[in-house]
PDB file of N, CA and C in Angstrom:
ATOM      1  N   UNK A   1     108.536 163.052 172.464  1.00  0.00           N
ATOM      2  CA  UNK A   1     108.406 162.314 171.214  1.00  0.00           C
ATOM      3  C   UNK A   1     109.722 162.381 170.442  1.00  0.00           C
ATOM      4  N   UNK A   2     110.132 161.263 169.904  1.00  0.00           N
ATOM      5  CA  UNK A   2     111.402 161.174 169.187  1.00  0.00           C
ATOM      6  C   UNK A   2     111.309 161.832 167.815  1.00  0.00           C
ATOM      7  N   UNK A   3     112.440 162.345 167.362  1.00  0.00           N
ATOM      8  CA  UNK A   3     112.514 162.960 166.044  1.00  0.00           C
ATOM      9  C   UNK A   3     113.113 161.957 165.068  1.00  0.00           C
ATOM     10  N   UNK A   4     112.516 161.871 163.900  1.00  0.00           N
ATOM     11  CA  UNK A   4     112.989 160.975 162.852  1.00  0.00           C
ATOM     12  C   UNK A   4     114.037 161.682 161.995  1.00  0.00           C
ATOM     13  N   UNK A   5     114.952 160.895 161.447  1.00  0.00           N
ATOM     14  CA  UNK A   5     115.906 161.406 160.471  1.00  0.00           C
ATOM     15  C   UNK A   5     115.279 161.215 159.095  1.00  0.00           C
ATOM     16  N   UNK A   6     115.208 162.280 158.315  1.00  0.00           N
ATOM     17  CA  UNK A   6     114.620 162.209 156.978  1.00  0.00           C
ATOM     18  C   UNK A   6     115.749 162.154 155.951  1.00  0.00           C
ATOM     19  N   UNK A   7     115.735 161.100 155.145  1.00  0.00           N
ATOM     20  CA  UNK A   7     116.715 160.926 154.073  1.00  0.00           C
ATOM     21  C   UNK A   7     115.972 160.914 152.748  1.00  0.00           C
ATOM     22  N   UNK A   8     116.483 161.659 151.787  1.00  0.00           N
ATOM     23  CA  UNK A   8     115.869 161.715 150.459  1.00  0.00           C
ATOM     24  C   UNK A   8     116.823 161.040 149.474  1.00  0.00           C
ATOM     25  N   UNK A   9     116.323 160.022 148.778  1.00  0.00           N
ATOM     26  CA  UNK A   9     117.158 159.350 147.785  1.00  0.00           C
ATOM     27  C   UNK A   9     117.609 160.338 146.707  1.00  0.00           C
ATOM     28  N   UNK A  10     118.802 160.156 146.146  1.00  0.00           N
ATOM     29  CA  UNK A  10     119.261 161.051 145.078  1.00  0.00           C
ATOM     30  C   UNK A  10     118.287 161.132 143.905  1.00  0.00           C
ATOM     31  N   UNK A  11     117.650 160.028 143.565  1.00  0.00           N
ATOM     32  CA  UNK A  11     116.679 160.047 142.466  1.00  0.00           C
ATOM     33  C   UNK A  11     115.484 160.934 142.805  1.00  0.00           C
ATOM     34  N   UNK A  12     115.045 160.915 144.064  1.00  0.00           N
ATOM     35  CA  UNK A  12     113.935 161.768 144.496  1.00  0.00           C
ATOM     36  C   UNK A  12     114.354 163.237 144.504  1.00  0.00           C
ATOM     37  N   UNK A  13     115.605 163.511 144.869  1.00  0.00           N
ATOM     38  CA  UNK A  13     116.101 164.895 144.820  1.00  0.00           C
ATOM     39  C   UNK A  13     116.084 165.415 143.388  1.00  0.00           C
ATOM     40  N   UNK A  14     116.443 164.551 142.438  1.00  0.00           N
ATOM     41  CA  UNK A  14     116.400 164.930 141.029  1.00  0.00           C
ATOM     42  C   UNK A  14     114.985 165.208 140.566  1.00  0.00           C
ATOM     43  N   UNK A  15     114.050 164.386 141.016  1.00  0.00           N
ATOM     44  CA  UNK A  15     112.638 164.594 140.669  1.00  0.00           C
ATOM     45  C   UNK A  15     112.143 165.918 141.247  1.00  0.00           C
ATOM     46  N   UNK A  16     112.540 166.215 142.468  1.00  0.00           N
ATOM     47  CA  UNK A  16     112.145 167.471 143.108  1.00  0.00           C
ATOM     48  C   UNK A  16     112.716 168.669 142.356  1.00  0.00           C
ATOM     49  N   UNK A  17     113.954 168.566 141.913  1.00  0.00           N
ATOM     50  CA  UNK A  17     114.616 169.676 141.211  1.00  0.00           C
ATOM     51  C   UNK A  17     113.932 170.010 139.888  1.00  0.00           C
ATOM     52  N   UNK A  18     113.227 169.053 139.292  1.00  0.00           N
ATOM     53  CA  UNK A  18     112.552 169.284 138.015  1.00  0.00           C
ATOM     54  C   UNK A  18     111.211 170.000 138.159  1.00  0.00           C
ATOM     55  N   UNK A  19     110.723 170.114 139.380  1.00  0.00           N
ATOM     56  CA  UNK A  19     109.412 170.734 139.614  1.00  0.00           C
ATOM     57  C   UNK A  19     109.538 172.255 139.685  1.00  0.00           C
ATOM     58  N   UNK A  20     108.419 172.970 139.473  1.00  0.00           N
ATOM     59  CA  UNK A  20     108.441 174.437 139.609  1.00  0.00           C
ATOM     60  C   UNK A  20     108.885 174.857 141.009  1.00  0.00           C
ATOM     61  N   UNK A  21     109.610 175.959 141.098  1.00  0.00           N
ATOM     62  CA  UNK A  21     110.174 176.439 142.376  1.00  0.00           C
ATOM     63  C   UNK A  21     109.114 176.578 143.474  1.00  0.00           C
ATOM     64  N   UNK A  22     107.965 177.120 143.118  1.00  0.00           N
ATOM     65  CA  UNK A  22     106.899 177.335 144.099  1.00  0.00           C
ATOM     66  C   UNK A  22     106.479 176.001 144.722  1.00  0.00           C
ATOM     67  N   UNK A  23     106.352 174.977 143.890  1.00  0.00           N
ATOM     68  CA  UNK A  23     105.958 173.653 144.373  1.00  0.00           C
ATOM     69  C   UNK A  23     107.085 172.995 145.162  1.00  0.00           C
ATOM     70  N   UNK A  24     108.329 173.229 144.751  1.00  0.00           N
ATOM     71  CA  UNK A  24     109.478 172.677 145.473  1.00  0.00           C
ATOM     72  C   UNK A  24     109.459 173.125 146.929  1.00  0.00           C
ATOM     73  N   UNK A  25     109.190 174.399 147.153  1.00  0.00           N
ATOM     74  CA  UNK A  25     109.190 174.946 148.503  1.00  0.00           C
ATOM     75  C   UNK A  25     108.116 174.280 149.365  1.00  0.00           C
ATOM     76  N   UNK A  26     106.911 174.126 148.819  1.00  0.00           N
ATOM     77  CA  UNK A  26     105.827 173.486 149.565  1.00  0.00           C
ATOM     78  C   UNK A  26     106.160 172.036 149.887  1.00  0.00           C
ATOM     79  N   UNK A  27     106.725 171.336 148.914  1.00  0.00           N
ATOM     80  CA  UNK A  27     107.070 169.926 149.115  1.00  0.00           C
ATOM     81  C   UNK A  27     108.165 169.790 150.166  1.00  0.00           C
ATOM     82  N   UNK A  28     109.170 170.659 150.123  1.00  0.00           N
ATOM     83  CA  UNK A  28     110.241 170.618 151.132  1.00  0.00           C
ATOM     84  C   UNK A  28     109.682 170.843 152.534  1.00  0.00           C
ATOM     85  N   UNK A  29     108.714 171.761 152.662  1.00  0.00           N
ATOM     86  CA  UNK A  29     108.089 172.007 153.967  1.00  0.00           C
ATOM     87  C   UNK A  29     107.355 170.766 154.460  1.00  0.00           C
ATOM     88  N   UNK A  30     106.650 170.085 153.550  1.00  0.00           N
ATOM     89  CA  UNK A  30     105.924 168.861 153.915  1.00  0.00           C
ATOM     90  C   UNK A  30     106.916 167.770 154.343  1.00  0.00           C
ATOM     91  N   UNK A  31     108.019 167.645 153.618  1.00  0.00           N
ATOM     92  CA  UNK A  31     109.024 166.632 153.960  1.00  0.00           C
ATOM     93  C   UNK A  31     109.646 166.939 155.322  1.00  0.00           C
ATOM     94  N   UNK A  32     109.908 168.207 155.601  1.00  0.00           N
ATOM     95  CA  UNK A  32     110.494 168.588 156.889  1.00  0.00           C
ATOM     96  C   UNK A  32     109.579 168.195 158.049  1.00  0.00           C
ATOM     97  N   UNK A  33     108.261 168.279 157.831  1.00  0.00           N
ATOM     98  CA  UNK A  33     107.306 167.921 158.884  1.00  0.00           C
ATOM     99  C   UNK A  33     107.315 166.432 159.200  1.00  0.00           C
ATOM    100  N   UNK A  34     107.787 165.619 158.244  1.00  0.00           N
ATOM    101  CA  UNK A  34     107.843 164.173 158.474  1.00  0.00           C
ATOM    102  C   UNK A  34     108.816 163.808 159.593  1.00  0.00           C
ATOM    103  N   UNK A  35     109.810 164.652 159.861  1.00  0.00           N
ATOM    104  CA  UNK A  35     110.775 164.383 160.925  1.00  0.00           C
ATOM    105  C   UNK A  35     110.098 164.366 162.290  1.00  0.00           C
ATOM    106  N   UNK A  36     109.081 165.180 162.448  1.00  0.00           N
ATOM    107  CA  UNK A  36     108.367 165.255 163.721  1.00  0.00           C
ATOM    108  C   UNK A  36     107.288 164.173 163.810  1.00  0.00           C
ATOM    109  N   UNK A  37     106.536 163.994 162.724  1.00  0.00           N
ATOM    110  CA  UNK A  37     105.462 163.000 162.699  1.00  0.00           C
ATOM    111  C   UNK A  37     105.337 162.414 161.298  1.00  0.00           C
ATOM    112  N   UNK A  38     105.898 161.222 161.056  1.00  0.00           N
ATOM    113  CA  UNK A  38     105.838 160.640 159.712  1.00  0.00           C
ATOM    114  C   UNK A  38     104.450 160.144 159.312  1.00  0.00           C
ATOM    115  N   UNK A  39     103.530 160.127 160.267  1.00  0.00           N
ATOM    116  CA  UNK A  39     102.153 159.709 159.965  1.00  0.00           C
ATOM    117  C   UNK A  39     101.205 160.885 160.172  1.00  0.00           C
ATOM    118  N   UNK A  40     101.466 161.944 159.429  1.00  0.00           N
ATOM    119  CA  UNK A  40     100.642 163.161 159.496  1.00  0.00           C
ATOM    120  C   UNK A  40      99.210 162.855 159.074  1.00  0.00           C
ATOM    121  N   UNK A  41      98.247 163.683 159.484  1.00  0.00           N
ATOM    122  CA  UNK A  41      96.880 163.501 158.990  1.00  0.00           C
ATOM    123  C   UNK A  41      96.861 163.572 157.460  1.00  0.00           C
ATOM    124  N   UNK A  42      96.146 162.656 156.841  1.00  0.00           N
ATOM    125  CA  UNK A  42      96.066 162.622 155.385  1.00  0.00           C
ATOM    126  C   UNK A  42      97.069 161.690 154.737  1.00  0.00           C
ATOM    127  N   UNK A  43      98.001 161.132 155.523  1.00  0.00           N
ATOM    128  CA  UNK A  43      98.975 160.182 154.984  1.00  0.00           C
ATOM    129  C   UNK A  43      98.262 158.860 154.747  1.00  0.00           C
ATOM    130  N   UNK A  44      98.540 158.256 153.610  1.00  0.00           N
ATOM    131  CA  UNK A  44      97.910 156.975 153.259  1.00  0.00           C
ATOM    132  C   UNK A  44      98.979 155.893 153.169  1.00  0.00           C
ATOM    133  N   UNK A  45      98.684 154.727 153.751  1.00  0.00           N
ATOM    134  CA  UNK A  45      99.583 153.582 153.658  1.00  0.00           C
ATOM    135  C   UNK A  45      99.325 152.910 152.322  1.00  0.00           C
ATOM    136  N   UNK A  46     100.325 152.905 151.439  1.00  0.00           N
ATOM    137  CA  UNK A  46     100.156 152.347 150.097  1.00  0.00           C
ATOM    138  C   UNK A  46     100.342 150.843 150.061  1.00  0.00           C
ATOM    139  N   UNK A  47     101.450 150.370 150.607  1.00  0.00           N
ATOM    140  CA  UNK A  47     101.770 148.944 150.580  1.00  0.00           C
ATOM    141  C   UNK A  47     102.270 148.542 151.958  1.00  0.00           C
ATOM    142  N   UNK A  48     101.448 147.780 152.649  1.00  0.00           N
ATOM    143  CA  UNK A  48     101.789 147.402 154.013  1.00  0.00           C
ATOM    144  C   UNK A  48     103.078 146.589 154.058  1.00  0.00           C
ATOM    145  N   UNK A  49     103.238 145.614 153.140  1.00  0.00           N
ATOM    146  CA  UNK A  49     104.407 144.743 153.190  1.00  0.00           C
ATOM    147  C   UNK A  49     105.712 145.487 152.932  1.00  0.00           C
ATOM    148  N   UNK A  50     105.667 146.558 152.148  1.00  0.00           N
ATOM    149  CA  UNK A  50     106.870 147.359 151.886  1.00  0.00           C
ATOM    150  C   UNK A  50     106.950 148.588 152.777  1.00  0.00           C
ATOM    151  N   UNK A  51     105.917 148.784 153.605  1.00  0.00           N
ATOM    152  CA  UNK A  51     105.873 149.925 154.517  1.00  0.00           C
ATOM    153  C   UNK A  51     105.960 151.252 153.761  1.00  0.00           C
ATOM    154  N   UNK A  52     105.237 151.361 152.638  1.00  0.00           N
ATOM    155  CA  UNK A  52     105.235 152.580 151.827  1.00  0.00           C
ATOM    156  C   UNK A  52     104.047 153.462 152.172  1.00  0.00           C
ATOM    157  N   UNK A  53     104.327 154.765 152.213  1.00  0.00           N
ATOM    158  CA  UNK A  53     103.303 155.745 152.533  1.00  0.00           C
ATOM    159  C   UNK A  53     103.275 156.832 151.473  1.00  0.00           C
ATOM    160  N   UNK A  54     102.137 157.532 151.388  1.00  0.00           N
ATOM    161  CA  UNK A  54     101.970 158.617 150.431  1.00  0.00           C
ATOM    162  C   UNK A  54     101.529 159.874 151.172  1.00  0.00           C
ATOM    163  N   UNK A  55     102.175 160.981 150.845  1.00  0.00           N
ATOM    164  CA  UNK A  55     101.807 162.284 151.379  1.00  0.00           C
ATOM    165  C   UNK A  55     101.488 163.200 150.216  1.00  0.00           C
ATOM    166  N   UNK A  56     100.345 163.876 150.283  1.00  0.00           N
ATOM    167  CA  UNK A  56      99.939 164.769 149.203  1.00  0.00           C
ATOM    168  C   UNK A  56     100.478 166.180 149.436  1.00  0.00           C
ATOM    169  N   UNK A  57     100.827 166.832 148.330  1.00  0.00           N
ATOM    170  CA  UNK A  57     101.207 168.236 148.355  1.00  0.00           C
ATOM    171  C   UNK A  57     100.709 168.843 147.042  1.00  0.00           C
ATOM    172  N   UNK A  58      99.483 169.349 147.057  1.00  0.00           N
ATOM    173  CA  UNK A  58      98.872 169.854 145.829  1.00  0.00           C
ATOM    174  C   UNK A  58      98.685 168.721 144.839  1.00  0.00           C
ATOM    175  N   UNK A  59      99.150 168.904 143.614  1.00  0.00           N
ATOM    176  CA  UNK A  59      99.061 167.867 142.585  1.00  0.00           C
ATOM    177  C   UNK A  59     100.220 166.879 142.643  1.00  0.00           C
ATOM    178  N   UNK A  60     101.092 167.030 143.614  1.00  0.00           N
ATOM    179  CA  UNK A  60     102.272 166.185 143.727  1.00  0.00           C
ATOM    180  C   UNK A  60     102.141 165.227 144.897  1.00  0.00           C
ATOM    181  N   UNK A  61     102.872 164.118 144.792  1.00  0.00           N
ATOM    182  CA  UNK A  61     102.849 163.107 145.838  1.00  0.00           C
ATOM    183  C   UNK A  61     104.278 162.791 146.261  1.00  0.00           C
ATOM    184  N   UNK A  62     104.420 162.535 147.551  1.00  0.00           N
ATOM    185  CA  UNK A  62     105.699 162.161 148.137  1.00  0.00           C
ATOM    186  C   UNK A  62     105.533 160.720 148.619  1.00  0.00           C
ATOM    187  N   UNK A  63     106.309 159.821 148.051  1.00  0.00           N
ATOM    188  CA  UNK A  63     106.260 158.415 148.435  1.00  0.00           C
ATOM    189  C   UNK A  63     107.457 158.136 149.335  1.00  0.00           C
ATOM    190  N   UNK A  64     107.203 157.530 150.495  1.00  0.00           N
ATOM    191  CA  UNK A  64     108.289 157.304 151.448  1.00  0.00           C
ATOM    192  C   UNK A  64     108.027 156.068 152.291  1.00  0.00           C
ATOM    193  N   UNK A  65     109.067 155.609 152.963  1.00  0.00           N
ATOM    194  CA  UNK A  65     108.942 154.494 153.896  1.00  0.00           C
ATOM    195  C   UNK A  65     109.367 154.977 155.285  1.00  0.00           C
ATOM    196  N   UNK A  66     108.901 154.245 156.288  1.00  0.00           N
ATOM    197  CA  UNK A  66     109.193 154.594 157.679  1.00  0.00           C
ATOM    198  C   UNK A  66     109.839 153.390 158.357  1.00  0.00           C
ATOM    199  N   UNK A  67     110.970 153.624 159.005  1.00  0.00           N
ATOM    200  CA  UNK A  67     111.605 152.607 159.840  1.00  0.00           C
ATOM    201  C   UNK A  67     111.499 153.087 161.280  1.00  0.00           C
ATOM    202  N   UNK A  68     110.483 152.619 161.988  1.00  0.00           N
ATOM    203  CA  UNK A  68     110.245 153.091 163.351  1.00  0.00           C
ATOM    204  C   UNK A  68     111.346 152.676 164.325  1.00  0.00           C
ATOM    205  N   UNK A  69     111.950 151.512 164.106  1.00  0.00           N
ATOM    206  CA  UNK A  69     112.987 151.031 165.017  1.00  0.00           C
ATOM    207  C   UNK A  69     114.208 151.950 164.977  1.00  0.00           C
ATOM    208  N   UNK A  70     114.604 152.376 163.770  1.00  0.00           N
ATOM    209  CA  UNK A  70     115.780 153.247 163.606  1.00  0.00           C
ATOM    210  C   UNK A  70     115.416 154.725 163.552  1.00  0.00           C
ATOM    211  N   UNK A  71     114.111 155.044 163.589  1.00  0.00           N
ATOM    212  CA  UNK A  71     113.610 156.425 163.498  1.00  0.00           C
ATOM    213  C   UNK A  71     114.090 157.103 162.213  1.00  0.00           C
ATOM    214  N   UNK A  72     113.843 156.428 161.085  1.00  0.00           N
ATOM    215  CA  UNK A  72     114.264 156.927 159.779  1.00  0.00           C
ATOM    216  C   UNK A  72     113.066 157.006 158.844  1.00  0.00           C
ATOM    217  N   UNK A  73     112.959 158.127 158.131  1.00  0.00           N
ATOM    218  CA  UNK A  73     111.996 158.287 157.048  1.00  0.00           C
ATOM    219  C   UNK A  73     112.812 158.385 155.768  1.00  0.00           C
ATOM    220  N   UNK A  74     112.516 157.523 154.790  1.00  0.00           N
ATOM    221  CA  UNK A  74     113.249 157.499 153.530  1.00  0.00           C
ATOM    222  C   UNK A  74     112.309 157.915 152.409  1.00  0.00           C
ATOM    223  N   UNK A  75     112.571 159.095 151.832  1.00  0.00           N
ATOM    224  CA  UNK A  75     111.768 159.586 150.715  1.00  0.00           C
ATOM    225  C   UNK A  75     112.260 158.897 149.456  1.00  0.00           C
ATOM    226  N   UNK A  76     111.356 158.165 148.806  1.00  0.00           N
ATOM    227  CA  UNK A  76     111.717 157.319 147.671  1.00  0.00           C
ATOM    228  C   UNK A  76     111.425 157.989 146.338  1.00  0.00           C
ATOM    229  N   UNK A  77     110.298 158.681 146.268  1.00  0.00           N
ATOM    230  CA  UNK A  77     109.876 159.240 144.985  1.00  0.00           C
ATOM    231  C   UNK A  77     109.046 160.497 145.221  1.00  0.00           C
ATOM    232  N   UNK A  78     109.200 161.478 144.336  1.00  0.00           N
ATOM    233  CA  UNK A  78     108.411 162.708 144.356  1.00  0.00           C
ATOM    234  C   UNK A  78     107.964 162.962 142.925  1.00  0.00           C
ATOM    235  N   UNK A  79     106.671 163.155 142.731  1.00  0.00           N
ATOM    236  CA  UNK A  79     106.218 163.401 141.370  1.00  0.00           C
ATOM    237  C   UNK A  79     104.758 163.793 141.286  1.00  0.00           C
ATOM    238  N   UNK A  80     104.330 164.095 140.073  1.00  0.00           N
ATOM    239  CA  UNK A  80     102.942 164.455 139.813  1.00  0.00           C
ATOM    240  C   UNK A  80     102.055 163.248 140.084  1.00  0.00           C
ATOM    241  N   UNK A  81     100.856 163.500 140.534  1.00  0.00           N
ATOM    242  CA  UNK A  81      99.957 162.422 140.940  1.00  0.00           C
ATOM    243  C   UNK A  81      99.647 161.438 139.820  1.00  0.00           C
ATOM    244  N   UNK A  82      99.707 161.871 138.573  1.00  0.00           N
ATOM    245  CA  UNK A  82      99.385 160.959 137.466  1.00  0.00           C
ATOM    246  C   UNK A  82     100.544 160.012 137.144  1.00  0.00           C
ATOM    247  N   UNK A  83     101.773 160.356 137.550  1.00  0.00           N
ATOM    248  CA  UNK A  83     102.956 159.561 137.188  1.00  0.00           C
ATOM    249  C   UNK A  83     103.622 158.831 138.348  1.00  0.00           C
ATOM    250  N   UNK A  84     103.466 159.334 139.549  1.00  0.00           N
ATOM    251  CA  UNK A  84     104.313 158.906 140.675  1.00  0.00           C
ATOM    252  C   UNK A  84     104.117 157.441 141.070  1.00  0.00           C
ATOM    253  N   UNK A  85     102.958 156.870 140.804  1.00  0.00           N
ATOM    254  CA  UNK A  85     102.681 155.503 141.246  1.00  0.00           C
ATOM    255  C   UNK A  85     103.155 154.445 140.251  1.00  0.00           C
ATOM    256  N   UNK A  86     103.523 154.839 139.058  1.00  0.00           N
ATOM    257  CA  UNK A  86     103.952 153.867 138.047  1.00  0.00           C
ATOM    258  C   UNK A  86     105.215 153.140 138.480  1.00  0.00           C
ATOM    259  N   UNK A  87     105.137 151.820 138.432  1.00  0.00           N
ATOM    260  CA  UNK A  87     106.297 151.000 138.735  1.00  0.00           C
ATOM    261  C   UNK A  87     106.587 150.779 140.213  1.00  0.00           C
ATOM    262  N   UNK A  88     105.655 151.136 141.084  1.00  0.00           N
ATOM    263  CA  UNK A  88     105.896 150.907 142.512  1.00  0.00           C
ATOM    264  C   UNK A  88     105.789 149.445 142.855  1.00  0.00           C
TER     265      UNK A  88
END
């Protein structure tokens, strides 16, 4: 099975840096797992036309897209579940 390259947008890195350290570690572990399988159990397809997916990590959500042809996962947004979907 091919390994995906995981890229995190600078804006998403900033969002991650604002979270509590304990949550940052869990979220980083979840993001690292996307390299092996970007469609982990529990992943939800948010917008088919934009190829957006959501991964849960406690009260936080990781929004990302998958490019299967180039084997790239692009993390777009990281945030609390009440805020992360605004403006998608």
